[in-house]
Amino acid sequence: MSREFTVSDDQVLAFETDCHLFDGCGFPAPSEWSFIFEPLFTIGSFEVDKPMALVVLSTAIVCSFFWFAFSKPKVVPGKFQMVGEVLYDFVRRGIARETIGKKAEAYVPLLMSLFFFVWIMNIWAIIPFAQFPATSIIAYPAALALIVWVTYMTLTFKTNGFVGGIRNLCVPSGLPKGIYVILTPIEFLSNVIVRPLTLTVRLFANMFAGHLLLLVFIIGTWYTLGSVVGTFYAATSMVMTVLLTFFELFIQALQAYVFTALTATYISQALEEAH
């Protein structure tokens, strides 16, 4: 299948010629075309584009790192093992045990995988030549949110049974009976429908917006060059690009943490027995 997309004449002019602020061409503002890529290569009828390649590479990086770190553990850890243990302990103590409690150990591998996979996919946004966060394509956060939702539902009904699971999801204990007429549908929508949607949109929207902001100032730096006044604008835009890059580093790690912490919260709720 071939993917077709168009860009405006101004955008083509800006990228294919030496187009600057005072040349009479319009600013090539980033838009949906910034998130659409031609296939890098095709395997049979299956096309692999840049975001897909970055997701596969992220998987390889996470698996390879922890394989090298823990394949031959030693009493006196080497560099890889030491870093791996610090990262593992961060998720285990800072997220899993803090949120789930004594039952956390069984879910540490899932939370570890989610945290570092999301973080690596986010961080591609500031890596030269990649310069694109895979999580800004909504399908990837949605797939991860689906995994979390299936885990959440499975644990809820496995722990409480069918009736107890429904009560866990929809019927909070200790409230006046009359309020359940209003509260039960709200709890159902919140726990079953809204949670996977918000988990998806929160990660996607932050990475999408961050990538757009970086593009605006990166393109603006080049576009405003070409004159003395324009160079002043370009320098200002470049400073903003650097500042936003550091800010994005923080947001990338934060969003990975939030996604993992919310997953741990849902698991904790699923393991609570309904009363």
C-alpha atoms as a PDB file:
ATOM      1  CA  MET A   1       0.000   0.000   0.000  1.00  0.00           C
ATOM      2  CA  SER A   2       1.322   3.440  -0.819  1.00  0.00           C
ATOM      3  CA  ARG A   3       0.778   6.394   1.477  1.00  0.00           C
ATOM      4  CA  GLU A   4       0.002   9.730  -0.137  1.00  0.00           C
ATOM      5  CA  PHE A   5       0.235  13.112   1.498  1.00  0.00           C
ATOM      6  CA  THR A   6       0.730  16.696   0.375  1.00  0.00           C
ATOM      7  CA  VAL A   7       2.418  19.781   1.719  1.00  0.00           C
ATOM      8  CA  SER A   8       1.814  23.370   0.801  1.00  0.00           C
ATOM      9  CA  ASP A   9       3.815  25.240  -1.845  1.00  0.00           C
ATOM     10  CA  ASP A  10       5.377  27.392   0.886  1.00  0.00           C
ATOM     11  CA  GLN A  11       6.594  24.311   2.761  1.00  0.00           C
ATOM     12  CA  VAL A  12       8.113  22.814  -0.381  1.00  0.00           C
ATOM     13  CA  LEU A  13       9.783  26.133  -1.183  1.00  0.00           C
ATOM     14  CA  ALA A  14      11.201  26.472   2.318  1.00  0.00           C
ATOM     15  CA  PHE A  15      12.755  23.022   2.358  1.00  0.00           C
ATOM     16  CA  GLU A  16      13.864  22.622  -1.252  1.00  0.00           C
ATOM     17  CA  THR A  17      15.328  26.141  -1.670  1.00  0.00           C
ATOM     18  CA  ASP A  18      17.230  28.579   0.488  1.00  0.00           C
ATOM     19  CA  CYS A  19      14.047  30.187   1.801  1.00  0.00           C
ATOM     20  CA  HIS A  20      14.264  32.756   4.611  1.00  0.00           C
ATOM     21  CA  LEU A  21      12.140  35.348   6.357  1.00  0.00           C
ATOM     22  CA  PHE A  22      12.711  38.272   3.962  1.00  0.00           C
ATOM     23  CA  ASP A  23      12.634  36.203   0.767  1.00  0.00           C
ATOM     24  CA  GLY A  24       8.870  36.474   0.431  1.00  0.00           C
ATOM     25  CA  CYS A  25       8.057  32.818   1.175  1.00  0.00           C
ATOM     26  CA  GLY A  26       5.787  31.820   4.026  1.00  0.00           C
ATOM     27  CA  PHE A  27       6.870  30.101   7.234  1.00  0.00           C
ATOM     28  CA  PRO A  28       6.577  26.293   6.802  1.00  0.00           C
ATOM     29  CA  ALA A  29       4.707  25.702  10.050  1.00  0.00           C
ATOM     30  CA  PRO A  30       4.774  22.074  11.236  1.00  0.00           C
ATOM     31  CA  SER A  31       1.494  20.258  10.858  1.00  0.00           C
ATOM     32  CA  GLU A  32       0.222  16.726  10.196  1.00  0.00           C
ATOM     33  CA  TRP A  33       2.880  16.335   7.500  1.00  0.00           C
ATOM     34  CA  SER A  34       5.486  16.347  10.308  1.00  0.00           C
ATOM     35  CA  PHE A  35       4.112  13.006  11.559  1.00  0.00           C
ATOM     36  CA  ILE A  36       3.755  11.192   8.215  1.00  0.00           C
ATOM     37  CA  PHE A  37       6.717   9.302   6.791  1.00  0.00           C
ATOM     38  CA  GLU A  38       7.422   7.462   3.593  1.00  0.00           C
ATOM     39  CA  PRO A  39       8.281   3.766   4.149  1.00  0.00           C
ATOM     40  CA  LEU A  40      11.955   3.110   4.841  1.00  0.00           C
ATOM     41  CA  PHE A  41      11.671  -0.333   3.294  1.00  0.00           C
ATOM     42  CA  THR A  42       9.089  -2.981   2.484  1.00  0.00           C
ATOM     43  CA  ILE A  43       8.976  -6.601   3.587  1.00  0.00           C
ATOM     44  CA  GLY A  44       6.584  -8.303   1.178  1.00  0.00           C
ATOM     45  CA  SER A  45       3.472  -6.124   1.420  1.00  0.00           C
ATOM     46  CA  PHE A  46       4.440  -4.838   4.870  1.00  0.00           C
ATOM     47  CA  GLU A  47       5.812  -1.296   4.985  1.00  0.00           C
ATOM     48  CA  VAL A  48       8.207  -0.188   7.721  1.00  0.00           C
ATOM     49  CA  ASP A  49       8.337   3.548   8.341  1.00  0.00           C
ATOM     50  CA  LYS A  50      10.468   5.628  10.701  1.00  0.00           C
ATOM     51  CA  PRO A  51       8.225   5.456  13.831  1.00  0.00           C
ATOM     52  CA  MET A  52       7.885   1.692  13.465  1.00  0.00           C
ATOM     53  CA  ALA A  53      11.661   1.316  13.110  1.00  0.00           C
ATOM     54  CA  LEU A  54      12.175   3.429  16.245  1.00  0.00           C
ATOM     55  CA  VAL A  55       9.744   1.246  18.217  1.00  0.00           C
ATOM     56  CA  VAL A  56      11.592  -1.913  17.155  1.00  0.00           C
ATOM     57  CA  LEU A  57      14.917  -0.294  17.993  1.00  0.00           C
ATOM     58  CA  SER A  58      13.568   0.777  21.406  1.00  0.00           C
ATOM     59  CA  THR A  59      12.584  -2.813  22.121  1.00  0.00           C
ATOM     60  CA  ALA A  60      16.045  -4.033  21.114  1.00  0.00           C
ATOM     61  CA  ILE A  61      17.776  -1.420  23.295  1.00  0.00           C
ATOM     62  CA  VAL A  62      15.751  -2.218  26.429  1.00  0.00           C
ATOM     63  CA  CYS A  63      16.090  -5.997  26.008  1.00  0.00           C
ATOM     64  CA  SER A  64      19.796  -5.833  25.144  1.00  0.00           C
ATOM     65  CA  PHE A  65      20.723  -3.551  28.018  1.00  0.00           C
ATOM     66  CA  PHE A  66      19.066  -5.619  30.721  1.00  0.00           C
ATOM     67  CA  TRP A  67      20.296  -8.837  29.133  1.00  0.00           C
ATOM     68  CA  PHE A  68      23.896  -7.620  29.320  1.00  0.00           C
ATOM     69  CA  ALA A  69      23.308  -6.245  32.824  1.00  0.00           C
ATOM     70  CA  PHE A  70      21.863  -9.414  34.368  1.00  0.00           C
ATOM     71  CA  SER A  71      22.793 -12.375  32.141  1.00  0.00           C
ATOM     72  CA  LYS A  72      25.858 -13.108  34.319  1.00  0.00           C
ATOM     73  CA  PRO A  73      25.229 -11.410  37.674  1.00  0.00           C
ATOM     74  CA  LYS A  74      28.173 -11.052  40.042  1.00  0.00           C
ATOM     75  CA  VAL A  75      28.478 -10.376  43.755  1.00  0.00           C
ATOM     76  CA  VAL A  76      30.645  -7.383  42.891  1.00  0.00           C
ATOM     77  CA  PRO A  77      28.662  -5.861  40.014  1.00  0.00           C
ATOM     78  CA  GLY A  78      30.268  -4.502  36.859  1.00  0.00           C
ATOM     79  CA  LYS A  79      29.232  -1.230  35.241  1.00  0.00           C
ATOM     80  CA  PHE A  80      26.241  -2.619  33.320  1.00  0.00           C
ATOM     81  CA  GLN A  81      24.997  -4.613  36.293  1.00  0.00           C
ATOM     82  CA  MET A  82      25.409  -1.663  38.666  1.00  0.00           C
ATOM     83  CA  VAL A  83      23.422   0.670  36.412  1.00  0.00           C
ATOM     84  CA  GLY A  84      20.829  -2.057  35.811  1.00  0.00           C
ATOM     85  CA  GLU A  85      20.405  -2.632  39.543  1.00  0.00           C
ATOM     86  CA  VAL A  86      19.948   1.086  40.194  1.00  0.00           C
ATOM     87  CA  LEU A  87      17.307   1.347  37.457  1.00  0.00           C
ATOM     88  CA  TYR A  88      15.578  -1.829  38.596  1.00  0.00           C
ATOM     89  CA  ASP A  89      15.534  -0.640  42.199  1.00  0.00           C
ATOM     90  CA  PHE A  90      14.086   2.717  41.140  1.00  0.00           C
ATOM     91  CA  VAL A  91      11.036   1.068  39.582  1.00  0.00           C
ATOM     92  CA  ARG A  92      10.777  -1.666  42.226  1.00  0.00           C
ATOM     93  CA  ARG A  93      10.939   0.604  45.262  1.00  0.00           C
ATOM     94  CA  GLY A  94       9.839   3.955  43.860  1.00  0.00           C
ATOM     95  CA  ILE A  95       6.822   2.761  41.883  1.00  0.00           C
ATOM     96  CA  ALA A  96       5.878  -0.879  42.494  1.00  0.00           C
ATOM     97  CA  ARG A  97       6.290  -1.208  46.268  1.00  0.00           C
ATOM     98  CA  GLU A  98       5.250   2.355  46.935  1.00  0.00           C
ATOM     99  CA  THR A  99       1.944   1.840  45.103  1.00  0.00           C
ATOM    100  CA  ILE A 100       1.101  -1.881  45.274  1.00  0.00           C
ATOM    101  CA  GLY A 101       2.770  -2.834  48.551  1.00  0.00           C
ATOM    102  CA  LYS A 102       3.739  -6.376  49.553  1.00  0.00           C
ATOM    103  CA  LYS A 103       2.236  -7.950  46.431  1.00  0.00           C
ATOM    104  CA  ALA A 104       4.362  -5.818  44.118  1.00  0.00           C
ATOM    105  CA  GLU A 105       7.142  -8.297  43.272  1.00  0.00           C
ATOM    106  CA  ALA A 106       5.129 -10.245  40.692  1.00  0.00           C
ATOM    107  CA  TYR A 107       4.422  -7.059  38.728  1.00  0.00           C
ATOM    108  CA  VAL A 108       7.869  -5.453  38.769  1.00  0.00           C
ATOM    109  CA  PRO A 109       8.879  -6.988  35.374  1.00  0.00           C
ATOM    110  CA  LEU A 110       5.791  -5.496  33.695  1.00  0.00           C
ATOM    111  CA  LEU A 111       6.334  -2.090  35.273  1.00  0.00           C
ATOM    112  CA  MET A 112      10.052  -2.174  34.425  1.00  0.00           C
ATOM    113  CA  SER A 113       9.294  -2.982  30.797  1.00  0.00           C
ATOM    114  CA  LEU A 114       6.685  -0.243  30.509  1.00  0.00           C
ATOM    115  CA  PHE A 115       8.813   2.454  32.112  1.00  0.00           C
ATOM    116  CA  PHE A 116      11.941   1.953  30.058  1.00  0.00           C
ATOM    117  CA  PHE A 117      10.142   1.153  26.821  1.00  0.00           C
ATOM    118  CA  VAL A 118       8.056   4.342  27.042  1.00  0.00           C
ATOM    119  CA  TRP A 119      11.062   6.397  28.111  1.00  0.00           C
ATOM    120  CA  ILE A 120      13.242   5.225  25.213  1.00  0.00           C
ATOM    121  CA  MET A 121      10.429   5.816  22.708  1.00  0.00           C
ATOM    122  CA  ASN A 122      10.021   9.336  24.116  1.00  0.00           C
ATOM    123  CA  ILE A 123      13.695  10.210  24.123  1.00  0.00           C
ATOM    124  CA  TRP A 124      14.111   9.651  20.373  1.00  0.00           C
ATOM    125  CA  ALA A 125      12.676  13.180  20.023  1.00  0.00           C
ATOM    126  CA  ILE A 126      16.035  14.734  20.873  1.00  0.00           C
ATOM    127  CA  ILE A 127      18.396  12.118  19.369  1.00  0.00           C
ATOM    128  CA  PRO A 128      20.139  13.355  16.182  1.00  0.00           C
ATOM    129  CA  PHE A 129      18.928  11.734  12.945  1.00  0.00           C
ATOM    130  CA  ALA A 130      15.970  10.164  14.766  1.00  0.00           C
ATOM    131  CA  GLN A 131      14.444  13.380  16.150  1.00  0.00           C
ATOM    132  CA  PHE A 132      10.988  11.936  16.495  1.00  0.00           C
ATOM    133  CA  PRO A 133       9.168  10.552  19.570  1.00  0.00           C
ATOM    134  CA  ALA A 134       7.469   7.314  18.553  1.00  0.00           C
ATOM    135  CA  THR A 135       4.808   7.905  21.206  1.00  0.00           C
ATOM    136  CA  SER A 136       3.592  10.977  19.278  1.00  0.00           C
ATOM    137  CA  ILE A 137       1.869   8.467  16.983  1.00  0.00           C
ATOM    138  CA  ILE A 138      -1.260   7.622  18.968  1.00  0.00           C
ATOM    139  CA  ALA A 139      -1.321   3.946  17.940  1.00  0.00           C
ATOM    140  CA  TYR A 140       1.695   3.138  20.127  1.00  0.00           C
ATOM    141  CA  PRO A 141       0.396   4.669  23.392  1.00  0.00           C
ATOM    142  CA  ALA A 142      -2.975   3.065  22.591  1.00  0.00           C
ATOM    143  CA  ALA A 143      -1.386  -0.385  22.233  1.00  0.00           C
ATOM    144  CA  LEU A 144       0.416   0.002  25.566  1.00  0.00           C
ATOM    145  CA  ALA A 145      -2.757   1.280  27.252  1.00  0.00           C
ATOM    146  CA  LEU A 146      -4.607  -1.763  25.894  1.00  0.00           C
ATOM    147  CA  ILE A 147      -2.029  -4.065  27.515  1.00  0.00           C
ATOM    148  CA  VAL A 148      -2.488  -2.217  30.819  1.00  0.00           C
ATOM    149  CA  TRP A 149      -6.293  -2.356  30.531  1.00  0.00           C
ATOM    150  CA  VAL A 150      -6.341  -6.101  29.811  1.00  0.00           C
ATOM    151  CA  THR A 151      -4.007  -6.696  32.774  1.00  0.00           C
ATOM    152  CA  TYR A 152      -6.207  -4.532  34.990  1.00  0.00           C
ATOM    153  CA  MET A 153      -9.432  -6.299  33.993  1.00  0.00           C
ATOM    154  CA  THR A 154      -7.876  -9.766  34.232  1.00  0.00           C
ATOM    155  CA  LEU A 155      -6.495  -9.178  37.735  1.00  0.00           C
ATOM    156  CA  THR A 156      -9.739  -7.588  38.903  1.00  0.00           C
ATOM    157  CA  PHE A 157     -11.885 -10.589  37.996  1.00  0.00           C
ATOM    158  CA  LYS A 158      -9.221 -13.155  38.894  1.00  0.00           C
ATOM    159  CA  THR A 159      -8.888 -11.695  42.397  1.00  0.00           C
ATOM    160  CA  ASN A 160     -12.562 -11.044  43.098  1.00  0.00           C
ATOM    161  CA  GLY A 161     -14.515 -13.334  40.800  1.00  0.00           C
ATOM    162  CA  PHE A 162     -17.164 -12.036  38.412  1.00  0.00           C
ATOM    163  CA  VAL A 163     -19.555 -10.478  40.940  1.00  0.00           C
ATOM    164  CA  GLY A 164     -16.762  -9.218  43.164  1.00  0.00           C
ATOM    165  CA  GLY A 165     -14.978  -7.794  40.127  1.00  0.00           C
ATOM    166  CA  ILE A 166     -18.061  -5.830  39.111  1.00  0.00           C
ATOM    167  CA  ARG A 167     -18.326  -4.498  42.662  1.00  0.00           C
ATOM    168  CA  ASN A 168     -14.633  -3.607  42.649  1.00  0.00           C
ATOM    169  CA  LEU A 169     -15.031  -1.632  39.418  1.00  0.00           C
ATOM    170  CA  CYS A 170     -18.437  -0.054  39.924  1.00  0.00           C
ATOM    171  CA  VAL A 171     -19.578  -0.156  43.560  1.00  0.00           C
ATOM    172  CA  PRO A 172     -17.381   1.634  46.126  1.00  0.00           C
ATOM    173  CA  SER A 173     -18.066   0.423  49.649  1.00  0.00           C
ATOM    174  CA  GLY A 174     -19.203   2.441  52.652  1.00  0.00           C
ATOM    175  CA  LEU A 175     -21.583   4.860  50.920  1.00  0.00           C
ATOM    176  CA  PRO A 176     -25.355   5.429  51.363  1.00  0.00           C
ATOM    177  CA  LYS A 177     -27.321   3.042  49.138  1.00  0.00           C
ATOM    178  CA  GLY A 178     -29.247   5.778  47.344  1.00  0.00           C
ATOM    179  CA  ILE A 179     -26.103   7.316  45.897  1.00  0.00           C
ATOM    180  CA  TYR A 180     -25.170   4.137  44.021  1.00  0.00           C
ATOM    181  CA  VAL A 181     -27.864   4.877  41.401  1.00  0.00           C
ATOM    182  CA  ILE A 182     -25.741   7.826  40.250  1.00  0.00           C
ATOM    183  CA  LEU A 183     -22.283   6.643  41.286  1.00  0.00           C
ATOM    184  CA  THR A 184     -22.268   3.151  39.751  1.00  0.00           C
ATOM    185  CA  PRO A 185     -22.551   4.287  36.078  1.00  0.00           C
ATOM    186  CA  ILE A 186     -19.944   6.984  36.738  1.00  0.00           C
ATOM    187  CA  GLU A 187     -17.546   4.459  38.283  1.00  0.00           C
ATOM    188  CA  PHE A 188     -18.094   2.085  35.364  1.00  0.00           C
ATOM    189  CA  LEU A 189     -17.302   4.796  32.811  1.00  0.00           C
ATOM    190  CA  SER A 190     -14.314   6.000  34.817  1.00  0.00           C
ATOM    191  CA  ASN A 191     -12.698   2.612  35.494  1.00  0.00           C
ATOM    192  CA  VAL A 192     -13.588   0.667  32.371  1.00  0.00           C
ATOM    193  CA  ILE A 193     -13.847   3.252  29.579  1.00  0.00           C
ATOM    194  CA  VAL A 194     -12.090   6.467  30.568  1.00  0.00           C
ATOM    195  CA  ARG A 195      -8.939   5.046  32.163  1.00  0.00           C
ATOM    196  CA  PRO A 196      -7.444   3.471  29.024  1.00  0.00           C
ATOM    197  CA  LEU A 197      -8.401   6.566  27.009  1.00  0.00           C
ATOM    198  CA  THR A 198      -6.741   9.011  29.409  1.00  0.00           C
ATOM    199  CA  LEU A 199      -3.688   6.761  29.694  1.00  0.00           C
ATOM    200  CA  THR A 200      -3.368   6.875  25.907  1.00  0.00           C
ATOM    201  CA  VAL A 201      -4.100  10.557  25.364  1.00  0.00           C
ATOM    202  CA  ARG A 202      -1.910  11.820  28.221  1.00  0.00           C
ATOM    203  CA  LEU A 203       1.233  10.219  26.800  1.00  0.00           C
ATOM    204  CA  PHE A 204       0.379  10.896  23.156  1.00  0.00           C
ATOM    205  CA  ALA A 205      -0.617  14.545  23.627  1.00  0.00           C
ATOM    206  CA  ASN A 206       2.472  15.470  25.639  1.00  0.00           C
ATOM    207  CA  MET A 207       4.851  13.935  23.112  1.00  0.00           C
ATOM    208  CA  PHE A 208       2.895  15.304  20.142  1.00  0.00           C
ATOM    209  CA  ALA A 209       2.892  18.830  21.554  1.00  0.00           C
ATOM    210  CA  GLY A 210       6.552  18.662  22.552  1.00  0.00           C
ATOM    211  CA  HIS A 211       7.593  17.562  19.073  1.00  0.00           C
ATOM    212  CA  LEU A 212       5.576  20.374  17.480  1.00  0.00           C
ATOM    213  CA  LEU A 213       7.176  22.971  19.767  1.00  0.00           C
ATOM    214  CA  LEU A 214      10.678  21.779  18.933  1.00  0.00           C
ATOM    215  CA  LEU A 215       9.853  21.814  15.223  1.00  0.00           C
ATOM    216  CA  VAL A 216       8.506  25.363  15.385  1.00  0.00           C
ATOM    217  CA  PHE A 217      11.728  26.730  16.859  1.00  0.00           C
ATOM    218  CA  ILE A 218      14.098  24.510  14.833  1.00  0.00           C
ATOM    219  CA  ILE A 219      12.426  25.495  11.555  1.00  0.00           C
ATOM    220  CA  GLY A 220      12.185  29.083  12.800  1.00  0.00           C
ATOM    221  CA  THR A 221      15.943  29.195  13.424  1.00  0.00           C
ATOM    222  CA  TRP A 222      16.681  28.336   9.797  1.00  0.00           C
ATOM    223  CA  TYR A 223      13.835  30.387   8.363  1.00  0.00           C
ATOM    224  CA  THR A 224      14.834  33.638  10.081  1.00  0.00           C
ATOM    225  CA  LEU A 225      18.476  33.492   8.970  1.00  0.00           C
ATOM    226  CA  GLY A 226      19.606  35.554   5.973  1.00  0.00           C
ATOM    227  CA  SER A 227      19.960  39.103   7.287  1.00  0.00           C
ATOM    228  CA  VAL A 228      21.328  40.996  10.288  1.00  0.00           C
ATOM    229  CA  VAL A 229      17.891  41.368  11.840  1.00  0.00           C
ATOM    230  CA  GLY A 230      16.987  37.811  10.895  1.00  0.00           C
ATOM    231  CA  THR A 231      20.135  36.470  12.562  1.00  0.00           C
ATOM    232  CA  PHE A 232      19.022  38.054  15.836  1.00  0.00           C
ATOM    233  CA  TYR A 233      15.672  36.281  15.479  1.00  0.00           C
ATOM    234  CA  ALA A 234      17.449  33.024  14.608  1.00  0.00           C
ATOM    235  CA  ALA A 235      19.700  33.267  17.690  1.00  0.00           C
ATOM    236  CA  THR A 236      16.659  33.805  19.898  1.00  0.00           C
ATOM    237  CA  SER A 237      14.903  30.844  18.285  1.00  0.00           C
ATOM    238  CA  MET A 238      17.995  28.689  18.750  1.00  0.00           C
ATOM    239  CA  VAL A 239      18.161  29.534  22.456  1.00  0.00           C
ATOM    240  CA  MET A 240      14.513  28.523  22.781  1.00  0.00           C
ATOM    241  CA  THR A 241      15.281  25.259  20.976  1.00  0.00           C
ATOM    242  CA  VAL A 242      18.035  24.432  23.473  1.00  0.00           C
ATOM    243  CA  LEU A 243      15.845  25.334  26.463  1.00  0.00           C
ATOM    244  CA  LEU A 244      12.934  23.285  25.111  1.00  0.00           C
ATOM    245  CA  THR A 245      15.244  20.335  24.497  1.00  0.00           C
ATOM    246  CA  PHE A 246      16.221  20.259  28.183  1.00  0.00           C
ATOM    247  CA  PHE A 247      12.581  20.726  29.154  1.00  0.00           C
ATOM    248  CA  GLU A 248      11.621  17.827  26.875  1.00  0.00           C
ATOM    249  CA  LEU A 249      14.207  15.613  28.618  1.00  0.00           C
ATOM    250  CA  PHE A 250      12.314  16.192  31.850  1.00  0.00           C
ATOM    251  CA  ILE A 251       8.881  15.674  30.259  1.00  0.00           C
ATOM    252  CA  GLN A 252       9.984  12.454  28.537  1.00  0.00           C
ATOM    253  CA  ALA A 253      11.077  10.879  31.805  1.00  0.00           C
ATOM    254  CA  LEU A 254       8.055  12.292  33.652  1.00  0.00           C
ATOM    255  CA  GLN A 255       5.577  10.832  31.168  1.00  0.00           C
ATOM    256  CA  ALA A 256       7.234   7.412  31.392  1.00  0.00           C
ATOM    257  CA  TYR A 257       6.983   7.646  35.183  1.00  0.00           C
ATOM    258  CA  VAL A 258       3.336   8.769  35.120  1.00  0.00           C
ATOM    259  CA  PHE A 259       2.340   6.000  32.703  1.00  0.00           C
ATOM    260  CA  THR A 260       4.039   3.372  34.888  1.00  0.00           C
ATOM    261  CA  ALA A 261       2.771   4.809  38.174  1.00  0.00           C
ATOM    262  CA  LEU A 262      -0.818   4.834  36.904  1.00  0.00           C
ATOM    263  CA  THR A 263      -0.413   1.237  35.756  1.00  0.00           C
ATOM    264  CA  ALA A 264       0.757   0.323  39.260  1.00  0.00           C
ATOM    265  CA  THR A 265      -2.254   2.166  40.713  1.00  0.00           C
ATOM    266  CA  TYR A 266      -4.660   0.184  38.532  1.00  0.00           C
ATOM    267  CA  ILE A 267      -2.967  -3.095  39.505  1.00  0.00           C
ATOM    268  CA  SER A 268      -3.201  -2.125  43.174  1.00  0.00           C
ATOM    269  CA  GLN A 269      -6.915  -1.439  42.826  1.00  0.00           C
ATOM    270  CA  ALA A 270      -7.448  -4.717  40.960  1.00  0.00           C
ATOM    271  CA  LEU A 271      -5.814  -6.648  43.817  1.00  0.00           C
ATOM    272  CA  GLU A 272      -8.093  -5.079  46.426  1.00  0.00           C
ATOM    273  CA  GLU A 273     -10.876  -7.422  47.479  1.00  0.00           C
ATOM    274  CA  ALA A 274     -14.362  -6.027  47.062  1.00  0.00           C
ATOM    275  CA  HIS A 275     -16.374  -5.611  50.256  1.00  0.00           C
END
